[in-house]
């Protein structure tokens, strides 16, 4: 391998490391407002947002008014529902709250 090819490989390696660092930073920033809740029973036709508010009231000692004041951007189960029935455990809930 000649010096020119080796230089190109090193340059590409540095560029790749920089891109990986940038992607990791963007992933962390995008997850900054996320809250993952585990162990909440899953039911058919559930209202996930209401379940999260109830969870906050029971587990975090919030009163109903405090729980209702939280503005959610998105609340949903993680994973496919069909897997729940096979594994017997509930999927985690992913909640993104608007902190403004």
Protein backbone atom coordinates (compact mmCIF):
# COMPACT_ATOMS: atom_id res chain seq x y z
CA UNK A 1 0.00 0.00 0.00
CA UNK A 2 1.46 3.35 -0.95
CA UNK A 3 1.57 6.47 1.25
CA UNK A 4 -1.27 8.17 -0.64
CA UNK A 5 -3.66 5.28 -0.02
CA UNK A 6 -2.61 5.05 3.63
CA UNK A 7 -3.22 8.81 4.06
CA UNK A 8 -6.69 8.46 2.57
CA UNK A 9 -7.49 5.57 4.92
CA UNK A 10 -6.38 7.58 7.96
CA UNK A 11 -8.39 10.59 6.78
CA UNK A 12 -11.50 8.45 6.31
CA UNK A 13 -11.00 6.87 9.74
CA UNK A 14 -10.83 10.32 11.40
CA UNK A 15 -13.88 11.47 9.45
CA UNK A 16 -15.78 8.32 10.49
CA UNK A 17 -14.90 8.86 14.17
CA UNK A 18 -16.09 12.46 13.92
CA UNK A 19 -19.38 11.38 12.32
CA UNK A 20 -19.94 8.74 15.01
CA UNK A 21 -19.36 11.37 17.70
CA UNK A 22 -21.80 13.76 16.01
CA UNK A 23 -24.51 11.10 15.66
CA UNK A 24 -24.10 10.06 19.30
CA UNK A 25 -24.39 13.69 20.41
CA UNK A 26 -27.56 14.18 18.34
CA UNK A 27 -29.10 10.99 19.75
CA UNK A 28 -28.42 12.08 23.32
CA UNK A 29 -29.84 15.56 22.69
CA UNK A 30 -32.99 14.17 21.05
CA UNK A 31 -33.61 11.91 24.06
CA UNK A 32 -33.08 14.70 26.58
CA UNK A 33 -36.78 15.10 27.41
CA UNK A 34 -37.65 11.39 27.27
CA UNK A 35 -38.80 9.40 30.26
CA UNK A 36 -39.08 5.62 30.06
CA UNK A 37 -41.54 4.03 32.48
CA UNK A 38 -41.36 0.29 33.13
CA UNK A 39 -43.58 -2.31 34.76
CA UNK A 40 -47.00 -0.76 34.08
CA UNK A 41 -49.52 -3.44 33.11
CA UNK A 42 -50.61 -3.41 29.49
CA UNK A 43 -54.27 -3.78 28.50
CA UNK A 44 -56.21 -3.82 25.26
CA UNK A 45 -57.40 -0.39 24.05
CA UNK A 46 -55.47 1.36 26.82
CA UNK A 47 -55.08 5.11 27.16
CA UNK A 48 -51.32 5.27 27.65
CA UNK A 49 -51.26 8.98 28.49
CA UNK A 50 -53.86 8.49 31.22
CA UNK A 51 -51.89 5.53 32.58
CA UNK A 52 -48.77 7.71 32.78
CA UNK A 53 -50.67 10.44 34.65
CA UNK A 54 -52.03 7.82 37.09
CA UNK A 55 -48.51 6.42 37.50
CA UNK A 56 -47.24 9.91 38.37
CA UNK A 57 -50.01 10.33 40.95
CA UNK A 58 -49.40 6.98 42.63
CA UNK A 59 -45.64 6.59 42.36
CA UNK A 60 -44.51 10.22 42.55
CA UNK A 61 -47.14 11.42 45.03
CA UNK A 62 -48.50 14.03 42.60
CA UNK A 63 -52.01 15.24 43.05
CA UNK A 64 -54.39 14.97 40.10
CA UNK A 65 -54.10 18.67 39.23
CA UNK A 66 -50.29 18.48 39.06
CA UNK A 67 -50.44 15.40 36.84
CA UNK A 68 -52.99 17.07 34.55
CA UNK A 69 -50.78 20.17 34.14
CA UNK A 70 -48.02 18.17 32.45
CA UNK A 71 -47.99 18.68 28.69
CA UNK A 72 -46.91 15.60 26.80
CA UNK A 73 -45.48 15.81 23.31
CA UNK A 74 -45.80 12.07 22.78
CA UNK A 75 -46.71 9.05 24.92
CA UNK A 76 -46.62 5.49 23.61
CA UNK A 77 -45.59 1.92 24.31
CA UNK A 78 -42.23 0.78 22.99
CA UNK A 79 -42.12 -2.30 20.75
CA UNK A 80 -44.76 -4.29 18.95
CA UNK A 81 -47.90 -5.32 20.79
CA UNK A 82 -47.81 -8.88 19.45
CA UNK A 83 -44.58 -9.52 21.36
CA UNK A 84 -46.28 -8.66 24.67
CA UNK A 85 -48.66 -11.55 24.47
CA UNK A 86 -45.82 -13.97 23.82
CA UNK A 87 -43.47 -12.72 26.52
CA UNK A 88 -46.06 -11.97 29.19
CA UNK A 89 -44.34 -8.72 30.22
CA UNK A 90 -45.58 -5.22 29.47
CA UNK A 91 -43.71 -3.02 27.04
CA UNK A 92 -42.03 0.05 28.47
CA UNK A 93 -43.74 3.40 27.99
CA UNK A 94 -41.82 6.20 26.33
CA UNK A 95 -42.94 9.67 27.36
CA UNK A 96 -41.67 12.97 26.06
CA UNK A 97 -42.79 15.95 28.10
CA UNK A 98 -42.79 19.58 27.03
CA UNK A 99 -40.84 21.40 29.74
CA UNK A 100 -41.61 24.93 28.52
